[in-house]
Protein backbone atom coordinates (compact mmCIF):
# COMPACT_ATOMS: atom_id res chain seq x y z
CA SER A 1 97.99 17.12 78.35
CA MET A 2 98.30 18.13 81.99
CA ALA A 3 95.39 18.09 84.37
CA ILE A 4 94.63 21.34 86.19
CA GLU A 5 93.36 21.06 89.73
CA SER A 6 91.46 23.32 92.06
CA VAL A 7 91.82 22.66 95.79
CA ASN A 8 89.82 24.16 98.67
CA PRO A 9 92.47 26.00 100.73
CA ALA A 10 90.33 25.89 103.89
CA THR A 11 90.20 22.07 103.93
CA GLY A 12 92.84 20.83 101.52
CA GLU A 13 90.17 18.89 99.61
CA ARG A 14 90.37 18.60 95.83
CA LEU A 15 87.37 20.37 94.31
CA ARG A 16 87.75 19.55 90.66
CA THR A 17 90.16 18.52 87.94
CA TYR A 18 90.11 20.13 84.49
CA ALA A 19 91.77 18.81 81.36
CA ALA A 20 94.22 21.31 79.91
CA MET A 21 93.48 22.38 76.34
CA SER A 22 95.67 20.84 73.63
CA PRO A 23 97.88 23.01 71.38
CA ASP A 24 95.34 22.50 68.58
CA GLU A 25 92.43 23.62 70.80
CA LEU A 26 94.40 26.69 71.85
CA ARG A 27 95.22 27.60 68.24
CA ALA A 28 91.57 27.19 67.27
CA ALA A 29 90.45 29.43 70.18
CA VAL A 30 92.91 32.16 69.16
CA ALA A 31 91.81 31.96 65.52
CA ALA A 32 88.10 32.08 66.46
CA CYS A 33 88.69 35.06 68.75
CA ALA A 34 90.64 36.91 66.03
CA ALA A 35 87.82 36.27 63.51
CA ALA A 36 85.15 37.42 65.99
CA GLN A 37 87.24 40.51 66.79
CA ARG A 38 87.42 41.58 63.13
CA ALA A 39 83.62 41.70 62.99
CA TRP A 40 83.36 43.31 66.44
CA ALA A 41 85.79 46.09 65.43
CA ARG A 42 83.30 47.18 62.75
CA THR A 43 80.45 47.61 65.24
CA ASP A 44 79.58 50.92 66.82
CA VAL A 45 80.69 51.65 70.40
CA ALA A 46 77.02 51.96 71.43
CA GLU A 47 76.52 48.41 70.14
CA ARG A 48 79.58 47.16 72.07
CA ALA A 49 78.19 48.68 75.27
CA ARG A 50 75.10 46.44 75.22
CA PRO A 51 76.74 43.17 76.35
CA LEU A 52 78.62 45.16 79.03
CA ARG A 53 75.31 46.29 80.55
CA ALA A 54 73.94 42.75 80.33
CA ALA A 55 77.08 41.35 81.98
CA ALA A 56 76.62 43.80 84.88
CA ARG A 57 73.04 42.59 85.34
CA ILE A 58 74.06 38.90 85.27
CA LEU A 59 76.93 39.46 87.71
CA ARG A 60 74.49 41.00 90.19
CA GLU A 61 72.01 38.16 89.73
CA GLU A 62 74.74 35.55 90.27
CA VAL A 63 76.58 37.37 93.07
CA ASP A 64 76.02 34.69 95.73
CA ALA A 65 77.05 31.75 93.55
CA LEU A 66 80.13 33.59 92.28
CA ALA A 67 81.18 34.62 95.80
CA ARG A 68 80.78 31.02 96.96
CA LEU A 69 82.92 29.74 94.08
CA ALA A 70 85.74 32.18 94.94
CA ALA A 71 85.52 31.17 98.62
CA LEU A 72 85.87 27.51 97.65
CA GLU A 73 88.65 27.96 95.09
CA MET A 74 90.86 30.59 96.75
CA GLY A 75 89.49 31.19 100.26
CA LYS A 76 87.98 34.69 100.03
CA PRO A 77 85.38 35.41 102.75
CA LEU A 78 81.87 35.61 101.22
CA ALA A 79 81.22 39.29 102.02
CA GLN A 80 84.47 40.25 100.26
CA GLY A 81 83.60 38.04 97.28
CA ARG A 82 80.19 39.69 96.92
CA ALA A 83 81.80 43.14 97.04
CA GLU A 84 84.27 42.07 94.35
CA VAL A 85 81.49 40.89 92.02
CA GLU A 86 79.57 44.14 92.58
CA LYS A 87 82.71 46.11 91.67
CA CYS A 88 82.96 44.12 88.42
CA ALA A 89 79.35 45.02 87.59
CA THR A 90 80.03 48.72 88.32
CA ASN A 91 83.10 48.58 86.06
CA CYS A 92 81.10 47.09 83.18
CA GLU A 93 78.52 49.88 83.53
CA PHE A 94 81.23 52.52 83.76
CA TYR A 95 82.69 51.52 80.38
CA ALA A 96 79.23 51.07 78.86
CA ASP A 97 78.41 54.64 79.96
CA HIS A 98 81.70 56.32 79.05
CA GLY A 99 83.19 54.16 76.29
CA ALA A 100 81.83 56.33 73.47
CA ARG A 101 83.23 59.48 75.05
CA PHE A 102 86.63 57.93 75.83
CA LEU A 103 86.95 56.62 72.27
CA ALA A 104 85.52 59.65 70.45
CA ARG A 105 87.57 61.25 67.67
CA GLU A 106 89.61 64.23 68.85
CA PRO A 107 89.86 67.06 66.31
CA VAL A 108 93.23 68.81 66.03
CA ALA A 109 93.64 72.19 64.34
CA THR A 110 96.26 72.03 61.56
CA GLU A 111 96.61 73.35 58.01
CA ALA A 112 94.57 70.37 56.82
CA SER A 113 90.92 70.89 55.92
CA LYS A 114 90.39 68.31 58.68
CA SER A 115 92.71 66.41 60.98
CA PHE A 116 91.84 64.27 63.95
CA VAL A 117 93.00 61.47 66.21
CA CYS A 118 90.91 58.32 66.42
CA PHE A 119 91.22 55.25 68.59
CA GLU A 120 90.99 51.96 66.71
CA PRO A 121 91.14 48.51 68.35
CA LEU A 122 94.46 46.63 68.27
CA GLY A 123 93.01 43.12 67.98
CA VAL A 124 93.03 40.25 70.45
CA VAL A 125 94.36 40.98 73.95
CA LEU A 126 95.74 38.01 75.91
CA ALA A 127 95.28 38.44 79.67
CA VAL A 128 97.42 36.46 82.12
CA MET A 129 95.68 36.90 85.46
CA PRO A 130 96.25 35.93 89.12
CA TRP A 131 93.96 34.19 91.59
CA ASN A 132 93.76 36.87 94.28
CA PHE A 133 90.78 38.78 92.84
CA PRO A 134 89.59 36.09 90.45
CA TYR A 135 86.73 38.20 89.02
CA TRP A 136 87.96 41.77 89.36
CA GLN A 137 91.37 41.19 87.75
CA VAL A 138 89.58 39.80 84.70
CA MET A 139 86.73 42.30 84.36
CA ARG A 140 89.11 45.21 84.99
CA PHE A 141 90.83 44.36 81.70
CA ALA A 142 87.90 42.86 79.79
CA ALA A 143 85.34 45.69 79.99
CA PRO A 144 87.64 48.41 78.54
CA ALA A 145 89.28 46.01 76.05
CA LEU A 146 85.90 44.86 74.69
CA VAL A 147 84.31 48.31 74.53
CA ALA A 148 87.35 49.50 72.55
CA GLY A 149 86.62 46.78 69.96
CA ASN A 150 89.23 44.22 70.97
CA GLY A 151 88.87 40.49 71.57
CA ALA A 152 89.80 38.95 74.93
CA LEU A 153 91.57 35.70 75.75
CA LEU A 154 91.97 34.79 79.41
CA LYS A 155 94.72 32.58 80.78
CA HIS A 156 93.75 32.58 84.46
CA ALA A 157 95.64 31.13 87.43
CA SER A 158 95.09 27.37 87.46
CA ASN A 159 93.62 27.27 90.99
CA VAL A 160 90.67 29.49 89.95
CA THR A 161 89.73 27.72 86.71
CA GLY A 162 86.10 27.48 87.91
CA CYS A 163 85.92 31.28 88.34
CA ALA A 164 87.48 31.74 84.89
CA LEU A 165 84.93 29.49 83.20
CA ALA A 166 82.09 31.17 85.13
CA LEU A 167 83.14 34.54 83.65
CA GLU A 168 83.23 33.08 80.14
CA ASP A 169 79.67 31.95 80.77
CA VAL A 170 78.64 35.44 82.01
CA TRP A 171 79.87 36.98 78.75
CA ARG A 172 78.17 34.31 76.66
CA ARG A 173 74.85 34.90 78.41
CA ALA A 174 75.36 38.68 78.09
CA GLY A 175 75.18 38.26 74.30
CA LEU A 176 78.83 38.89 73.51
CA PRO A 177 79.57 37.39 70.05
CA ALA A 178 80.76 33.76 70.20
CA GLY A 179 84.50 33.34 70.63
CA LEU A 180 85.19 36.99 71.50
CA PHE A 181 85.91 36.24 75.17
CA ARG A 182 87.48 32.84 75.79
CA THR A 183 88.96 31.19 78.87
CA LEU A 184 92.00 29.14 77.88
CA VAL A 185 92.48 26.27 80.31
CA VAL A 186 96.26 25.91 80.16
CA GLY A 187 99.20 25.99 82.57
CA SER A 188 101.67 28.87 82.75
CA ASP A 189 103.99 26.84 80.50
CA GLY A 190 101.54 27.57 77.66
CA VAL A 191 101.80 31.37 77.90
CA ALA A 192 104.92 31.92 75.76
CA GLY A 193 103.37 29.97 72.87
CA LEU A 194 100.16 32.00 73.09
CA ILE A 195 102.05 35.31 72.99
CA GLU A 196 103.79 34.17 69.79
CA GLN A 197 100.55 33.36 67.99
CA PRO A 198 99.93 35.77 65.11
CA GLY A 199 96.28 36.17 66.20
CA VAL A 200 97.34 37.78 69.50
CA ALA A 201 98.03 41.53 69.30
CA ALA A 202 98.85 42.49 72.87
CA VAL A 203 99.26 41.13 76.40
CA THR A 204 98.16 42.29 79.83
CA LEU A 205 99.49 40.62 82.93
CA THR A 206 98.78 41.05 86.60
CA GLY A 207 101.10 38.98 88.74
CA SER A 208 104.54 38.74 90.27
CA THR A 209 107.52 40.74 89.08
CA PRO A 210 109.33 37.57 87.81
CA ALA A 211 106.20 36.60 85.83
CA GLY A 212 106.14 40.16 84.44
CA ARG A 213 109.76 39.96 83.31
CA ALA A 214 109.11 36.66 81.54
CA VAL A 215 105.98 37.91 79.73
CA ALA A 216 107.55 41.28 78.85
CA SER A 217 110.65 39.59 77.37
CA LYS A 218 108.55 37.22 75.30
CA ALA A 219 106.14 39.94 74.12
CA GLY A 220 109.03 42.29 73.40
CA SER A 221 110.72 39.69 71.23
CA VAL A 222 107.63 39.61 68.99
CA LEU A 223 106.98 43.37 69.36
CA LYS A 224 103.60 43.12 71.07
CA LYS A 225 102.31 45.80 73.42
CA GLN A 226 102.12 44.88 77.12
CA VAL A 227 100.55 46.29 80.25
CA LEU A 228 102.09 44.93 83.45
CA GLU A 229 100.64 45.26 86.93
CA LEU A 230 103.15 43.53 89.16
CA GLY A 231 104.02 43.20 92.83
CA GLY A 232 103.89 45.92 95.41
CA SER A 233 105.24 46.61 98.85
CA ASP A 234 103.07 49.60 99.62
CA ALA A 235 104.28 51.92 102.35
CA TYR A 236 101.82 53.78 104.56
CA VAL A 237 103.41 56.77 106.30
CA ILE A 238 101.95 57.82 109.65
CA LEU A 239 103.23 61.31 110.50
CA GLU A 240 103.51 62.77 114.01
CA ASP A 241 100.29 64.81 113.61
CA ALA A 242 98.16 61.88 112.38
CA ASP A 243 94.94 60.77 114.08
CA LEU A 244 96.68 57.58 115.22
CA GLU A 245 93.62 55.49 116.11
CA ARG A 246 92.00 56.16 112.73
CA ALA A 247 95.27 55.70 110.85
CA VAL A 248 95.98 52.29 112.40
CA GLU A 249 92.37 51.13 111.85
CA THR A 250 92.70 52.06 108.14
CA CYS A 251 96.13 50.41 107.91
CA VAL A 252 94.94 47.14 109.47
CA ALA A 253 91.87 47.06 107.21
CA SER A 254 94.10 47.51 104.14
CA ARG A 255 96.65 44.96 105.31
CA LEU A 256 93.97 42.28 105.84
CA ILE A 257 91.79 42.72 102.75
CA ASN A 258 91.72 39.36 100.97
CA GLY A 259 93.88 37.87 103.73
CA GLY A 260 96.66 40.30 102.82
CA GLN A 261 96.90 38.80 99.33
CA SER A 262 96.71 42.01 97.33
CA CYS A 263 99.38 43.85 95.35
CA ILE A 264 98.01 47.12 96.73
CA ALA A 265 97.54 46.03 100.32
CA ALA A 266 99.42 48.13 102.84
CA LYS A 267 102.56 46.18 103.69
CA ARG A 268 105.14 48.47 105.31
CA PHE A 269 104.03 50.96 107.94
CA VAL A 270 106.48 53.82 108.34
CA ILE A 271 105.54 55.48 111.61
CA HIS A 272 106.85 58.59 113.35
CA GLU A 273 108.99 57.55 116.33
CA SER A 274 106.78 59.51 118.77
CA HIS A 275 103.95 57.02 118.15
CA ARG A 276 106.03 53.86 118.74
CA ALA A 277 104.41 52.48 121.93
CA ALA A 278 100.83 53.45 121.00
CA ALA A 279 101.17 52.24 117.39
CA GLU A 280 102.52 48.84 118.43
CA ARG A 281 99.70 48.44 120.94
CA LEU A 282 96.98 49.50 118.45
CA PHE A 283 98.29 47.26 115.65
CA VAL A 284 98.30 44.23 117.96
CA GLU A 285 94.85 45.04 119.35
CA LYS A 286 93.23 45.54 115.94
CA MET A 287 94.96 42.56 114.25
CA ARG A 288 93.94 40.31 117.16
CA ALA A 289 90.30 41.44 116.91
CA ARG A 290 89.93 40.13 113.34
CA ARG A 291 88.22 36.74 112.99
CA VAL A 292 90.11 34.06 111.07
CA GLY A 293 88.11 31.09 109.83
CA ASP A 294 86.10 29.28 107.17
CA PRO A 295 85.47 31.77 104.34
CA LEU A 296 81.95 30.34 103.91
CA ALA A 297 81.01 31.22 107.53
CA ASP A 298 79.41 34.52 108.53
CA GLY A 299 81.46 37.21 110.23
CA VAL A 300 84.84 35.88 109.12
CA ASP A 301 87.35 38.64 108.30
CA VAL A 302 90.31 36.54 107.19
CA GLY A 303 90.08 33.24 105.33
CA PRO A 304 92.93 30.85 104.51
CA LEU A 305 95.67 31.89 102.12
CA ALA A 306 95.00 30.63 98.60
CA ARG A 307 97.39 27.66 98.69
CA ARG A 308 99.46 25.87 101.32
CA ASP A 309 102.76 26.54 99.53
CA LEU A 310 101.98 30.28 99.59
CA ARG A 311 101.17 30.11 103.31
CA ASP A 312 104.46 28.30 103.97
CA GLU A 313 106.35 30.93 101.97
CA VAL A 314 104.86 33.79 104.02
CA HIS A 315 105.73 31.96 107.25
CA GLU A 316 109.29 31.47 106.06
CA GLN A 317 109.59 35.22 105.29
CA VAL A 318 108.35 36.00 108.81
CA GLU A 319 110.82 33.55 110.38
CA ARG A 320 113.74 34.93 108.35
CA SER A 321 112.80 38.48 109.38
CA VAL A 322 112.72 37.45 113.07
CA ALA A 323 116.07 35.65 112.69
CA LYS A 324 117.49 38.94 111.42
CA GLY A 325 116.23 40.90 114.43
CA ALA A 326 112.57 41.79 113.80
CA ARG A 327 110.35 41.43 116.90
CA LEU A 328 107.16 39.40 116.62
CA LEU A 329 104.31 41.15 118.48
CA VAL A 330 101.42 38.85 117.56
CA GLY A 331 100.79 35.86 115.25
CA GLY A 332 103.65 34.28 113.36
CA GLU A 333 102.66 30.67 114.01
CA LYS A 334 101.45 28.11 111.48
CA PRO A 335 98.22 26.60 112.81
CA PRO A 336 97.85 22.81 112.64
CA GLY A 337 95.41 21.20 110.21
CA PRO A 338 95.13 20.66 106.46
CA GLY A 339 94.13 24.22 105.52
CA ALA A 340 96.34 27.13 104.42
CA PHE A 341 95.49 29.40 107.35
CA TYR A 342 97.87 32.01 108.79
CA PRO A 343 97.14 34.35 111.71
CA PRO A 344 97.23 38.15 111.45
CA THR A 345 100.84 38.93 112.35
CA VAL A 346 102.73 42.07 113.42
CA LEU A 347 106.50 42.50 113.12
CA THR A 348 108.25 45.54 114.57
CA ASP A 349 111.84 46.87 114.39
CA VAL A 350 111.81 45.91 110.71
CA ARG A 351 114.96 46.99 108.85
CA PRO A 352 116.63 46.68 105.41
CA GLY A 353 117.97 43.18 104.77
CA MET A 354 114.84 41.51 106.18
CA PRO A 355 112.22 39.95 103.87
CA ALA A 356 109.56 42.02 105.70
CA TYR A 357 111.37 45.20 104.54
CA ASP A 358 112.79 44.21 101.15
CA ASP A 359 110.22 41.82 99.68
CA GLU A 360 106.50 41.61 99.14
CA LEU A 361 104.77 39.61 101.89
CA PHE A 362 101.59 38.23 100.32
CA GLY A 363 99.70 37.46 103.49
CA PRO A 364 98.31 39.00 106.71
CA VAL A 365 101.63 40.35 108.02
CA ALA A 366 102.19 43.99 109.03
CA ALA A 367 105.79 45.29 109.08
CA LEU A 368 106.37 48.28 111.39
CA VAL A 369 109.28 50.62 110.67
CA PHE A 370 109.90 53.71 112.83
CA ALA A 371 111.33 56.97 111.50
CA PRO A 372 112.60 60.04 113.39
CA ASP A 373 111.04 62.64 111.07
CA GLU A 374 108.99 63.27 107.91
CA GLU A 375 112.06 63.39 105.65
CA ASP A 376 113.27 59.97 106.79
CA ALA A 377 109.76 58.47 106.68
CA ILE A 378 109.39 59.45 103.03
CA ARG A 379 112.89 58.16 102.25
CA VAL A 380 112.00 54.77 103.80
CA ALA A 381 108.64 54.68 101.97
CA ASN A 382 110.43 55.19 98.63
CA ASP A 383 113.26 52.79 99.53
CA SER A 384 111.71 49.91 97.63
CA PRO A 385 112.04 48.35 94.20
CA PHE A 386 108.24 48.58 93.96
CA GLY A 387 105.99 51.57 93.25
CA LEU A 388 102.35 50.52 93.09
CA GLY A 389 100.57 52.40 95.87
CA ALA A 390 101.36 54.47 98.95
CA ALA A 391 99.47 56.41 101.60
CA VAL A 392 100.14 59.15 104.10
CA PHE A 393 98.27 59.99 107.30
CA THR A 394 98.30 63.53 108.71
CA ARG A 395 95.80 66.04 110.13
CA ASP A 396 97.30 68.68 107.81
CA VAL A 397 95.51 67.79 104.58
CA ALA A 398 97.48 70.28 102.45
CA ARG A 399 100.74 68.75 103.68
CA GLY A 400 99.39 65.25 102.96
CA GLU A 401 98.31 66.25 99.46
CA GLU A 402 101.75 67.69 98.67
CA ILE A 403 103.50 64.53 99.91
CA ALA A 404 101.13 62.30 97.91
CA ALA A 405 101.40 64.36 94.72
CA ARG A 406 105.10 65.21 94.71
CA ARG A 407 107.10 63.07 97.10
CA LEU A 408 105.82 59.49 97.27
CA GLU A 409 107.01 57.35 94.33
CA ALA A 410 104.02 55.21 93.31
CA GLY A 411 101.20 54.96 90.77
CA SER A 412 98.43 55.66 93.33
CA CYS A 413 98.93 57.79 96.44
CA PHE A 414 96.17 58.26 99.01
CA VAL A 415 95.84 60.71 101.91
CA ASN A 416 94.15 59.47 105.13
CA ALA A 417 92.66 56.46 103.30
CA PHE A 418 93.81 53.08 102.03
CA VAL A 419 94.84 52.58 98.42
CA ARG A 420 92.19 50.99 96.21
CA SER A 421 91.40 50.85 92.52
CA ASP A 422 88.36 52.65 91.12
CA PRO A 423 87.01 52.42 87.54
CA ARG A 424 87.04 56.24 87.29
CA LEU A 425 90.77 56.55 88.01
CA PRO A 426 93.85 55.10 86.33
CA PHE A 427 95.57 52.25 88.14
CA GLY A 428 99.09 50.86 87.78
CA GLY A 429 102.66 51.14 88.96
CA ILE A 430 106.18 52.34 88.37
CA LYS A 431 109.59 50.70 88.91
CA GLU A 432 109.29 46.92 89.49
CA SER A 433 105.53 47.24 89.93
CA GLY A 434 105.25 47.44 86.15
CA TYR A 435 104.02 49.92 83.54
CA GLY A 436 100.93 50.89 81.63
CA ARG A 437 97.58 51.75 83.19
CA GLU A 438 94.25 50.09 83.68
CA LEU A 439 90.89 51.80 84.36
CA GLY A 440 89.74 55.35 83.68
CA VAL A 441 90.27 56.86 80.25
CA PHE A 442 93.94 55.80 80.31
CA GLY A 443 92.98 52.13 80.67
CA VAL A 444 90.73 52.03 77.62
CA ARG A 445 93.44 53.74 75.53
CA GLU A 446 96.21 51.22 76.32
CA PHE A 447 94.97 48.70 73.75
CA VAL A 448 94.13 50.97 70.83
CA ASN A 449 95.85 52.27 67.75
CA VAL A 450 96.10 56.01 68.42
CA LYS A 451 95.62 56.88 64.77
CA THR A 452 96.23 60.21 63.05
CA VAL A 453 93.91 61.06 60.15
CA TRP A 454 94.72 64.01 57.85
CA VAL A 455 92.31 65.19 55.18
CA ASP A 456 93.91 67.70 52.81
């Protein structure tokens, strides 16, 4: 079986090699999870909440070690890694606190002496997760899936196998029944076989749109429920009455979170023409001010990208955009050395037909598009195959709210703030950004049997 490697993207050094699990080991893990899930489904929600609270406590105790591991495996600056782990702990507590209410029976008045809807677990949920938020992506699915009575199998991105095994250990120490949460060390070529296994009831994937199509096709062929959170090319609209300084500061912060490697990072900035000169100047100034460097060092804002091939791909998208007429205002050069670093980059005069307009750029690159009026700005924002997040900046909050609620086509729309996920609110996309929702009450109800009970 194949070896799975993790490599430090800041130095190019190999950190560790893991042996991939054999088909027999994988089958045994699925069977053990399915058996553990049958027992877990019979426990009370209050009982299921206990390991969630313990996991939150352990995550907080281990925050420094976990942040360091993410920095080493995928290049996230330590402060951002610590914030990610804290968010995972908050999410576990959120579902421990609200799981019983979210899963409570809902009475419905009919001619029956009693009729109600109840929410029963589906079984084992297979999660196929990406490296960019190696803890959050996992806990975002695991906490609601487990509190609902499901089992959880994790096929994580190969480059963050250490993070994946660390989370398995967190759940074990939290007192979750043996086998109920398992990390499956296997390459992406093993996913189709896992989806087919009778012990797997449903699949959740966060990743690229092509990966989503592949998993959806496979799961559809065996009639298994999926939730897909795919790529994004989030547009942030800056209207003529926006507080420009604040808007650009927010936009740059969103574009550079996790080195720009986020499906909900701001990617396209659709700016009212009247702000052109000032917006270009502010974007350059604020992107230049961010510190790029070793993710283990203090005060670093932007680490390396997660792998060299990903860095090279971003650079190629920038070069192709420039070849098609985009203007490079800052950045855009591959630094020498063995790491996967890329400088914060600003492209302006971005138009359809350029990768910076049409495709998702998974790195620290801001694409500036100018629009003559509100109508055109909203048209450009929606002119994308993706629909994950969007934001609008205006001093007229009522106008912003109306645009966010009715006119921007995305799963999460923010006014005068950058798009982020929050355990209290549903999260997910439309169009090629996928379907289904995570988080909030909607997230916990994705992987349940919404069952009708009628008592005559």
